[in-house]
Amino acid sequence: MLSSPRATEPFPDAWYDQSSAEHFWFSWRLRALLRLLKDVRTPTTQPLRVLDVGSGPGILAAQLEAATAWTVDAADLNLGALQRCAPRRGRTLYYDVTEERPELAGRYDAVFVFDVIEHLPEPLPLLRSALAHLKPGGLFLINVPALQACFSQYDVEVGHLRRYTTASLEEALEPLGLQSVALRYWGLSLLPALVARRATMPVGRLQERIVERGLVPPSKWVDGALRALMHAETRLASRPVLGTSVLYAGRVP
């Protein structure tokens, strides 16, 4: 494990203990991502080298390696999260990307920054450093929660500072000078649940309970219904007009 001198970043252990690739939300995010990769003609059968920035316990990295021929390195500042990573083809890096280590600069065909920048007061320094790890023409992919109007106590407790629209994300990324190749919402069918969560979740609950409420898999009947919605939406509406998250893909000119 490549090591960084930075201290472990605090984050609720409940997030890592209860996060699972089997949760319908992680499955939905992966399906939306794979549809986007197909639309922008990014090869998934070639052995690309990929970096997952802010990987946490490596759910996305493991999903990508299972669904593609890629080798995915997972990087995070939370050592406890990294210790939960399952073995993969790629490396697990205890690494602050803002160090921009020379041996990693320009190394990767794609860099993912998924569900990270909504936690940061000023995302641009991290994003610029993440970009330094891309090869020329490499693909830069970002996922963020959508719609500030749906910001709730859940967002507060898991450390979100904001939610985005496609327009606000595009504006936030403009200083990076990327060539945008895809920008879309996903999770339209989940919007009623997001609105209900904002309306019903009380202020001041214990953080662990709020995280648990958001991450514990639903009953098999609810899970089955949500997965049916997932399959229908990702098959029939790959570019919904709204959603609970925003996906972006851009290239270094």
C-alpha atoms as a PDB file:
ATOM      1  CA  MET A   1       0.000   0.000   0.000  1.00  0.00           C
ATOM      2  CA  LEU A   2       1.478   3.331  -1.057  1.00  0.00           C
ATOM      3  CA  SER A   3       1.466   5.493   2.068  1.00  0.00           C
ATOM      4  CA  SER A   4       0.782   9.185   2.577  1.00  0.00           C
ATOM      5  CA  PRO A   5       1.975  11.301   5.499  1.00  0.00           C
ATOM      6  CA  ARG A   6      -1.462  12.859   5.890  1.00  0.00           C
ATOM      7  CA  ALA A   7      -3.590  11.833   8.882  1.00  0.00           C
ATOM      8  CA  THR A   8      -6.710   9.785   8.465  1.00  0.00           C
ATOM      9  CA  GLU A   9      -9.748  11.902   7.607  1.00  0.00           C
ATOM     10  CA  PRO A  10     -12.623  11.433  10.101  1.00  0.00           C
ATOM     11  CA  PHE A  11     -15.849   9.946   8.759  1.00  0.00           C
ATOM     12  CA  PRO A  12     -18.564   7.862  10.399  1.00  0.00           C
ATOM     13  CA  ASP A  13     -17.558   4.202  10.604  1.00  0.00           C
ATOM     14  CA  ALA A  14     -21.216   3.336  10.029  1.00  0.00           C
ATOM     15  CA  TRP A  15     -20.850   4.552   6.448  1.00  0.00           C
ATOM     16  CA  TYR A  16     -18.101   2.028   5.727  1.00  0.00           C
ATOM     17  CA  ASP A  17     -19.485  -0.791   7.852  1.00  0.00           C
ATOM     18  CA  GLN A  18     -22.885  -0.685   6.187  1.00  0.00           C
ATOM     19  CA  SER A  19     -21.937   0.310   2.628  1.00  0.00           C
ATOM     20  CA  SER A  20     -22.167  -2.626   0.245  1.00  0.00           C
ATOM     21  CA  ALA A  21     -22.070  -3.138  -3.487  1.00  0.00           C
ATOM     22  CA  GLU A  22     -25.274  -5.142  -3.016  1.00  0.00           C
ATOM     23  CA  HIS A  23     -27.185  -2.001  -2.009  1.00  0.00           C
ATOM     24  CA  PHE A  24     -29.532  -0.969  -4.819  1.00  0.00           C
ATOM     25  CA  TRP A  25     -28.100   2.592  -4.920  1.00  0.00           C
ATOM     26  CA  PHE A  26     -24.570   1.414  -5.695  1.00  0.00           C
ATOM     27  CA  SER A  27     -25.965  -0.950  -8.333  1.00  0.00           C
ATOM     28  CA  TRP A  28     -27.969   1.890  -9.880  1.00  0.00           C
ATOM     29  CA  ARG A  29     -24.966   4.207  -9.935  1.00  0.00           C
ATOM     30  CA  LEU A  30     -22.911   1.523 -11.687  1.00  0.00           C
ATOM     31  CA  ARG A  31     -25.593   0.939 -14.329  1.00  0.00           C
ATOM     32  CA  ALA A  32     -25.868   4.664 -15.005  1.00  0.00           C
ATOM     33  CA  LEU A  33     -22.084   4.874 -15.291  1.00  0.00           C
ATOM     34  CA  LEU A  34     -21.760   1.912 -17.654  1.00  0.00           C
ATOM     35  CA  ARG A  35     -24.451   3.419 -19.885  1.00  0.00           C
ATOM     36  CA  LEU A  36     -22.541   6.694 -19.964  1.00  0.00           C
ATOM     37  CA  LEU A  37     -19.257   4.925 -20.785  1.00  0.00           C
ATOM     38  CA  LYS A  38     -20.968   3.165 -23.675  1.00  0.00           C
ATOM     39  CA  ASP A  39     -22.423   6.441 -24.941  1.00  0.00           C
ATOM     40  CA  VAL A  40     -19.016   8.172 -24.923  1.00  0.00           C
ATOM     41  CA  ARG A  41     -17.385   5.106 -26.495  1.00  0.00           C
ATOM     42  CA  THR A  42     -14.980   4.361 -23.701  1.00  0.00           C
ATOM     43  CA  PRO A  43     -13.697   0.793 -24.107  1.00  0.00           C
ATOM     44  CA  THR A  44     -14.439  -1.454 -21.149  1.00  0.00           C
ATOM     45  CA  THR A  45     -12.839  -4.551 -22.686  1.00  0.00           C
ATOM     46  CA  GLN A  46      -9.374  -3.005 -22.921  1.00  0.00           C
ATOM     47  CA  PRO A  47      -6.930  -3.160 -19.967  1.00  0.00           C
ATOM     48  CA  LEU A  48      -7.069   0.516 -19.024  1.00  0.00           C
ATOM     49  CA  ARG A  49      -5.409   1.874 -15.892  1.00  0.00           C
ATOM     50  CA  VAL A  50      -7.868   3.786 -13.692  1.00  0.00           C
ATOM     51  CA  LEU A  51      -7.651   5.828 -10.471  1.00  0.00           C
ATOM     52  CA  ASP A  52     -10.585   6.092  -8.042  1.00  0.00           C
ATOM     53  CA  VAL A  53     -10.036   9.220  -5.901  1.00  0.00           C
ATOM     54  CA  GLY A  54     -11.806   9.213  -2.541  1.00  0.00           C
ATOM     55  CA  SER A  55     -12.512   5.526  -2.947  1.00  0.00           C
ATOM     56  CA  GLY A  56     -13.587   4.771   0.613  1.00  0.00           C
ATOM     57  CA  PRO A  57     -13.798   0.986   1.086  1.00  0.00           C
ATOM     58  CA  GLY A  58     -13.363   0.366  -2.637  1.00  0.00           C
ATOM     59  CA  ILE A  59     -16.947  -0.405  -3.694  1.00  0.00           C
ATOM     60  CA  LEU A  60     -16.679   1.433  -7.012  1.00  0.00           C
ATOM     61  CA  ALA A  61     -13.190   0.069  -7.701  1.00  0.00           C
ATOM     62  CA  ALA A  62     -14.382  -3.499  -7.151  1.00  0.00           C
ATOM     63  CA  GLN A  63     -17.512  -2.946  -9.255  1.00  0.00           C
ATOM     64  CA  LEU A  64     -15.476  -1.527 -12.136  1.00  0.00           C
ATOM     65  CA  GLU A  65     -12.969  -4.367 -12.100  1.00  0.00           C
ATOM     66  CA  ALA A  66     -15.817  -6.899 -12.117  1.00  0.00           C
ATOM     67  CA  ALA A  67     -17.606  -5.176 -15.011  1.00  0.00           C
ATOM     68  CA  THR A  68     -14.579  -4.280 -17.163  1.00  0.00           C
ATOM     69  CA  ALA A  69     -11.036  -5.361 -18.023  1.00  0.00           C
ATOM     70  CA  TRP A  70      -9.683  -2.326 -16.215  1.00  0.00           C
ATOM     71  CA  THR A  71      -7.197  -2.229 -13.353  1.00  0.00           C
ATOM     72  CA  VAL A  72      -8.445   0.241 -10.755  1.00  0.00           C
ATOM     73  CA  ASP A  73      -6.231   1.813  -8.103  1.00  0.00           C
ATOM     74  CA  ALA A  74      -8.228   3.021  -5.071  1.00  0.00           C
ATOM     75  CA  ALA A  75      -6.909   6.113  -3.253  1.00  0.00           C
ATOM     76  CA  ASP A  76      -8.204   7.641  -0.040  1.00  0.00           C
ATOM     77  CA  LEU A  77      -7.040   9.494   3.078  1.00  0.00           C
ATOM     78  CA  ASN A  78      -9.111   7.330   5.410  1.00  0.00           C
ATOM     79  CA  LEU A  79      -6.944   4.385   6.392  1.00  0.00           C
ATOM     80  CA  GLY A  80      -9.825   2.604   8.103  1.00  0.00           C
ATOM     81  CA  ALA A  81     -11.845   2.722   4.894  1.00  0.00           C
ATOM     82  CA  LEU A  82      -8.932   1.427   2.828  1.00  0.00           C
ATOM     83  CA  GLN A  83      -8.442  -1.480   5.213  1.00  0.00           C
ATOM     84  CA  ARG A  84     -11.957  -2.590   4.264  1.00  0.00           C
ATOM     85  CA  CYS A  85     -11.046  -2.832   0.552  1.00  0.00           C
ATOM     86  CA  ALA A  86     -11.324  -6.309  -0.915  1.00  0.00           C
ATOM     87  CA  PRO A  87      -8.393  -7.653  -2.982  1.00  0.00           C
ATOM     88  CA  ARG A  88      -8.449  -6.456  -6.606  1.00  0.00           C
ATOM     89  CA  ARG A  89      -6.195  -6.264  -9.633  1.00  0.00           C
ATOM     90  CA  GLY A  90      -5.425  -2.660  -8.734  1.00  0.00           C
ATOM     91  CA  ARG A  91      -3.542  -1.227  -5.790  1.00  0.00           C
ATOM     92  CA  THR A  92      -4.934   0.301  -2.616  1.00  0.00           C
ATOM     93  CA  LEU A  93      -3.259   3.660  -2.011  1.00  0.00           C
ATOM     94  CA  TYR A  94      -3.198   5.591   1.250  1.00  0.00           C
ATOM     95  CA  TYR A  95      -2.513   8.696  -0.741  1.00  0.00           C
ATOM     96  CA  ASP A  96      -3.332  12.403  -0.835  1.00  0.00           C
ATOM     97  CA  VAL A  97      -3.674  13.165  -4.552  1.00  0.00           C
ATOM     98  CA  THR A  98      -2.808  16.830  -3.933  1.00  0.00           C
ATOM     99  CA  GLU A  99       0.774  15.618  -3.393  1.00  0.00           C
ATOM    100  CA  GLU A 100       0.839  14.783  -7.130  1.00  0.00           C
ATOM    101  CA  ARG A 101       3.603  12.243  -6.770  1.00  0.00           C
ATOM    102  CA  PRO A 102       5.765  12.135  -9.909  1.00  0.00           C
ATOM    103  CA  GLU A 103       5.494   8.365 -10.282  1.00  0.00           C
ATOM    104  CA  LEU A 104       1.691   8.684 -10.524  1.00  0.00           C
ATOM    105  CA  ALA A 105       1.462  11.844 -12.642  1.00  0.00           C
ATOM    106  CA  GLY A 106       0.005  11.219 -16.107  1.00  0.00           C
ATOM    107  CA  ARG A 107      -0.284   7.507 -15.371  1.00  0.00           C
ATOM    108  CA  TYR A 108      -4.012   6.850 -15.757  1.00  0.00           C
ATOM    109  CA  ASP A 109      -6.414   6.482 -18.671  1.00  0.00           C
ATOM    110  CA  ALA A 110      -9.352   7.540 -16.495  1.00  0.00           C
ATOM    111  CA  VAL A 111      -9.797   9.188 -13.109  1.00  0.00           C
ATOM    112  CA  PHE A 112     -12.978   8.926 -11.041  1.00  0.00           C
ATOM    113  CA  VAL A 113     -13.990  11.414  -8.341  1.00  0.00           C
ATOM    114  CA  PHE A 114     -17.319   9.962  -7.216  1.00  0.00           C
ATOM    115  CA  ASP A 115     -19.363  11.461  -4.397  1.00  0.00           C
ATOM    116  CA  VAL A 116     -16.437  13.455  -3.029  1.00  0.00           C
ATOM    117  CA  ILE A 117     -16.572  17.142  -3.980  1.00  0.00           C
ATOM    118  CA  GLU A 118     -19.907  17.799  -2.265  1.00  0.00           C
ATOM    119  CA  HIS A 119     -17.972  17.327   1.005  1.00  0.00           C
ATOM    120  CA  LEU A 120     -15.342  19.976   0.216  1.00  0.00           C
ATOM    121  CA  PRO A 121     -15.620  23.731   0.889  1.00  0.00           C
ATOM    122  CA  GLU A 122     -13.370  24.370  -2.124  1.00  0.00           C
ATOM    123  CA  PRO A 123     -13.234  21.423  -4.568  1.00  0.00           C
ATOM    124  CA  LEU A 124     -10.993  22.931  -7.267  1.00  0.00           C
ATOM    125  CA  PRO A 125      -7.580  22.170  -5.686  1.00  0.00           C
ATOM    126  CA  LEU A 126      -8.469  18.496  -5.338  1.00  0.00           C
ATOM    127  CA  LEU A 127      -9.920  18.346  -8.848  1.00  0.00           C
ATOM    128  CA  ARG A 128      -6.850  19.995 -10.398  1.00  0.00           C
ATOM    129  CA  SER A 129      -4.580  17.530  -8.610  1.00  0.00           C
ATOM    130  CA  ALA A 130      -6.734  14.589  -9.650  1.00  0.00           C
ATOM    131  CA  LEU A 131      -6.445  15.769 -13.255  1.00  0.00           C
ATOM    132  CA  ALA A 132      -2.653  15.757 -12.981  1.00  0.00           C
ATOM    133  CA  HIS A 133      -2.856  11.956 -12.758  1.00  0.00           C
ATOM    134  CA  LEU A 134      -4.509  11.641 -16.194  1.00  0.00           C
ATOM    135  CA  LYS A 135      -2.802  10.826 -19.447  1.00  0.00           C
ATOM    136  CA  PRO A 136      -3.339  13.310 -22.310  1.00  0.00           C
ATOM    137  CA  GLY A 137      -6.834  12.700 -23.647  1.00  0.00           C
ATOM    138  CA  GLY A 138      -7.778  10.761 -20.530  1.00  0.00           C
ATOM    139  CA  LEU A 139     -11.336  10.634 -19.208  1.00  0.00           C
ATOM    140  CA  PHE A 140     -12.308  12.497 -16.033  1.00  0.00           C
ATOM    141  CA  LEU A 141     -15.517  11.299 -14.366  1.00  0.00           C
ATOM    142  CA  ILE A 142     -17.444  12.883 -11.494  1.00  0.00           C
ATOM    143  CA  ASN A 143     -20.609  11.934  -9.632  1.00  0.00           C
ATOM    144  CA  VAL A 144     -22.375  14.247  -7.171  1.00  0.00           C
ATOM    145  CA  PRO A 145     -25.756  14.390  -5.398  1.00  0.00           C
ATOM    146  CA  ALA A 146     -28.348  16.452  -7.259  1.00  0.00           C
ATOM    147  CA  LEU A 147     -30.836  19.218  -6.507  1.00  0.00           C
ATOM    148  CA  GLN A 148     -30.160  21.624  -3.664  1.00  0.00           C
ATOM    149  CA  ALA A 149     -33.921  21.881  -3.133  1.00  0.00           C
ATOM    150  CA  CYS A 150     -33.743  18.306  -1.787  1.00  0.00           C
ATOM    151  CA  PHE A 151     -30.956  19.062   0.697  1.00  0.00           C
ATOM    152  CA  SER A 152     -31.945  17.467   4.021  1.00  0.00           C
ATOM    153  CA  GLN A 153     -30.691  16.568   7.476  1.00  0.00           C
ATOM    154  CA  TYR A 154     -29.306  13.389   5.947  1.00  0.00           C
ATOM    155  CA  ASP A 155     -26.986  15.506   3.774  1.00  0.00           C
ATOM    156  CA  VAL A 156     -25.858  17.448   6.851  1.00  0.00           C
ATOM    157  CA  GLU A 157     -25.081  14.322   8.843  1.00  0.00           C
ATOM    158  CA  VAL A 158     -23.085  12.602   6.096  1.00  0.00           C
ATOM    159  CA  GLY A 159     -21.065  15.774   5.502  1.00  0.00           C
ATOM    160  CA  HIS A 160     -22.578  17.143   2.312  1.00  0.00           C
ATOM    161  CA  LEU A 161     -22.111  20.889   1.912  1.00  0.00           C
ATOM    162  CA  ARG A 162     -24.210  21.170  -1.241  1.00  0.00           C
ATOM    163  CA  ARG A 163     -26.101  19.333  -3.958  1.00  0.00           C
ATOM    164  CA  TYR A 164     -25.721  20.158  -7.662  1.00  0.00           C
ATOM    165  CA  THR A 165     -27.659  20.656 -10.843  1.00  0.00           C
ATOM    166  CA  THR A 166     -26.145  19.909 -14.230  1.00  0.00           C
ATOM    167  CA  ALA A 167     -25.725  23.671 -14.715  1.00  0.00           C
ATOM    168  CA  SER A 168     -24.071  24.318 -11.343  1.00  0.00           C
ATOM    169  CA  LEU A 169     -21.707  21.365 -11.761  1.00  0.00           C
ATOM    170  CA  GLU A 170     -20.730  22.519 -15.230  1.00  0.00           C
ATOM    171  CA  GLU A 171     -20.079  26.000 -13.856  1.00  0.00           C
ATOM    172  CA  ALA A 172     -17.988  24.615 -10.985  1.00  0.00           C
ATOM    173  CA  LEU A 173     -15.837  22.602 -13.409  1.00  0.00           C
ATOM    174  CA  GLU A 174     -15.356  25.368 -15.979  1.00  0.00           C
ATOM    175  CA  PRO A 175     -11.990  26.566 -14.545  1.00  0.00           C
ATOM    176  CA  LEU A 176     -10.523  23.116 -15.235  1.00  0.00           C
ATOM    177  CA  GLY A 177     -10.690  23.693 -19.007  1.00  0.00           C
ATOM    178  CA  LEU A 178     -12.001  20.219 -19.782  1.00  0.00           C
ATOM    179  CA  GLN A 179     -13.825  19.194 -22.929  1.00  0.00           C
ATOM    180  CA  SER A 180     -17.217  18.047 -21.654  1.00  0.00           C
ATOM    181  CA  VAL A 181     -18.404  14.849 -23.342  1.00  0.00           C
ATOM    182  CA  ALA A 182     -21.346  13.906 -21.094  1.00  0.00           C
ATOM    183  CA  LEU A 183     -23.396  15.599 -18.386  1.00  0.00           C
ATOM    184  CA  ARG A 184     -26.592  13.987 -17.155  1.00  0.00           C
ATOM    185  CA  TYR A 185     -28.854  13.226 -14.241  1.00  0.00           C
ATOM    186  CA  TRP A 186     -29.633   9.718 -13.072  1.00  0.00           C
ATOM    187  CA  GLY A 187     -32.059   8.346 -10.504  1.00  0.00           C
ATOM    188  CA  LEU A 188     -35.224  10.105 -11.691  1.00  0.00           C
ATOM    189  CA  SER A 189     -37.356   7.339 -10.189  1.00  0.00           C
ATOM    190  CA  LEU A 190     -35.778   7.950  -6.778  1.00  0.00           C
ATOM    191  CA  LEU A 191     -36.851  11.601  -6.603  1.00  0.00           C
ATOM    192  CA  PRO A 192     -40.089  10.931  -4.671  1.00  0.00           C
ATOM    193  CA  ALA A 193     -38.082   9.120  -1.989  1.00  0.00           C
ATOM    194  CA  LEU A 194     -35.603  12.012  -1.810  1.00  0.00           C
ATOM    195  CA  VAL A 195     -38.419  14.540  -1.400  1.00  0.00           C
ATOM    196  CA  ALA A 196     -40.064  12.372   1.254  1.00  0.00           C
ATOM    197  CA  ARG A 197     -36.779  12.038   3.140  1.00  0.00           C
ATOM    198  CA  ARG A 198     -36.379  15.808   3.258  1.00  0.00           C
ATOM    199  CA  ALA A 199     -39.923  16.257   4.510  1.00  0.00           C
ATOM    200  CA  THR A 200     -39.902  13.537   7.167  1.00  0.00           C
ATOM    201  CA  MET A 201     -36.371  13.275   8.549  1.00  0.00           C
ATOM    202  CA  PRO A 202     -36.211  15.147  11.859  1.00  0.00           C
ATOM    203  CA  VAL A 203     -33.413  17.526  12.751  1.00  0.00           C
ATOM    204  CA  GLY A 204     -31.014  16.470  15.482  1.00  0.00           C
ATOM    205  CA  ARG A 205     -31.082  12.671  15.224  1.00  0.00           C
ATOM    206  CA  LEU A 206     -27.896  10.854  16.119  1.00  0.00           C
ATOM    207  CA  GLN A 207     -25.539  10.763  13.170  1.00  0.00           C
ATOM    208  CA  GLU A 208     -25.178   6.969  13.280  1.00  0.00           C
ATOM    209  CA  ARG A 209     -28.932   6.477  13.083  1.00  0.00           C
ATOM    210  CA  ILE A 210     -29.254   8.765  10.072  1.00  0.00           C
ATOM    211  CA  VAL A 211     -26.424   7.031   8.238  1.00  0.00           C
ATOM    212  CA  GLU A 212     -27.900   3.652   9.093  1.00  0.00           C
ATOM    213  CA  ARG A 213     -31.325   4.703   7.849  1.00  0.00           C
ATOM    214  CA  GLY A 214     -29.849   5.717   4.521  1.00  0.00           C
ATOM    215  CA  LEU A 215     -27.610   2.690   3.998  1.00  0.00           C
ATOM    216  CA  VAL A 216     -29.355  -0.371   5.408  1.00  0.00           C
ATOM    217  CA  PRO A 217     -30.756  -2.356   2.478  1.00  0.00           C
ATOM    218  CA  PRO A 218     -34.558  -2.206   2.244  1.00  0.00           C
ATOM    219  CA  SER A 219     -36.743  -5.269   2.528  1.00  0.00           C
ATOM    220  CA  LYS A 220     -36.500  -7.730  -0.345  1.00  0.00           C
ATOM    221  CA  TRP A 221     -39.850  -6.542  -1.704  1.00  0.00           C
ATOM    222  CA  VAL A 222     -38.860  -2.870  -1.679  1.00  0.00           C
ATOM    223  CA  ASP A 223     -35.409  -3.753  -3.010  1.00  0.00           C
ATOM    224  CA  GLY A 224     -37.006  -5.744  -5.838  1.00  0.00           C
ATOM    225  CA  ALA A 225     -39.300  -2.857  -6.750  1.00  0.00           C
ATOM    226  CA  LEU A 226     -36.412  -0.376  -6.736  1.00  0.00           C
ATOM    227  CA  ARG A 227     -34.300  -2.634  -8.922  1.00  0.00           C
ATOM    228  CA  ALA A 228     -37.183  -2.966 -11.391  1.00  0.00           C
ATOM    229  CA  LEU A 229     -37.307   0.844 -11.562  1.00  0.00           C
ATOM    230  CA  MET A 230     -33.529   0.896 -12.005  1.00  0.00           C
ATOM    231  CA  HIS A 231     -33.632  -1.502 -14.956  1.00  0.00           C
ATOM    232  CA  ALA A 232     -36.504   0.358 -16.584  1.00  0.00           C
ATOM    233  CA  GLU A 233     -34.964   3.791 -16.177  1.00  0.00           C
ATOM    234  CA  THR A 234     -31.440   2.899 -17.282  1.00  0.00           C
ATOM    235  CA  ARG A 235     -32.824   1.074 -20.299  1.00  0.00           C
ATOM    236  CA  LEU A 236     -35.480   3.563 -21.407  1.00  0.00           C
ATOM    237  CA  ALA A 237     -34.295   6.929 -20.073  1.00  0.00           C
ATOM    238  CA  SER A 238     -30.521   7.178 -20.062  1.00  0.00           C
ATOM    239  CA  ARG A 239     -30.733  10.994 -19.953  1.00  0.00           C
ATOM    240  CA  PRO A 240     -33.609  11.882 -17.607  1.00  0.00           C
ATOM    241  CA  VAL A 241     -34.541  15.545 -17.208  1.00  0.00           C
ATOM    242  CA  LEU A 242     -33.889  15.346 -13.443  1.00  0.00           C
ATOM    243  CA  GLY A 243     -32.485  12.862 -10.970  1.00  0.00           C
ATOM    244  CA  THR A 244     -31.022  12.347  -7.531  1.00  0.00           C
ATOM    245  CA  SER A 245     -27.422  12.479  -8.819  1.00  0.00           C
ATOM    246  CA  VAL A 246     -25.412  14.087 -11.627  1.00  0.00           C
ATOM    247  CA  LEU A 247     -22.798  12.270 -13.722  1.00  0.00           C
ATOM    248  CA  TYR A 248     -20.126  14.158 -15.654  1.00  0.00           C
ATOM    249  CA  ALA A 249     -17.452  13.006 -18.097  1.00  0.00           C
ATOM    250  CA  GLY A 250     -14.803  15.256 -19.593  1.00  0.00           C
ATOM    251  CA  ARG A 251     -11.490  14.941 -21.370  1.00  0.00           C
ATOM    252  CA  VAL A 252      -8.222  16.782 -21.091  1.00  0.00           C
ATOM    253  CA  PRO A 253      -7.924  18.736 -24.354  1.00  0.00           C
END
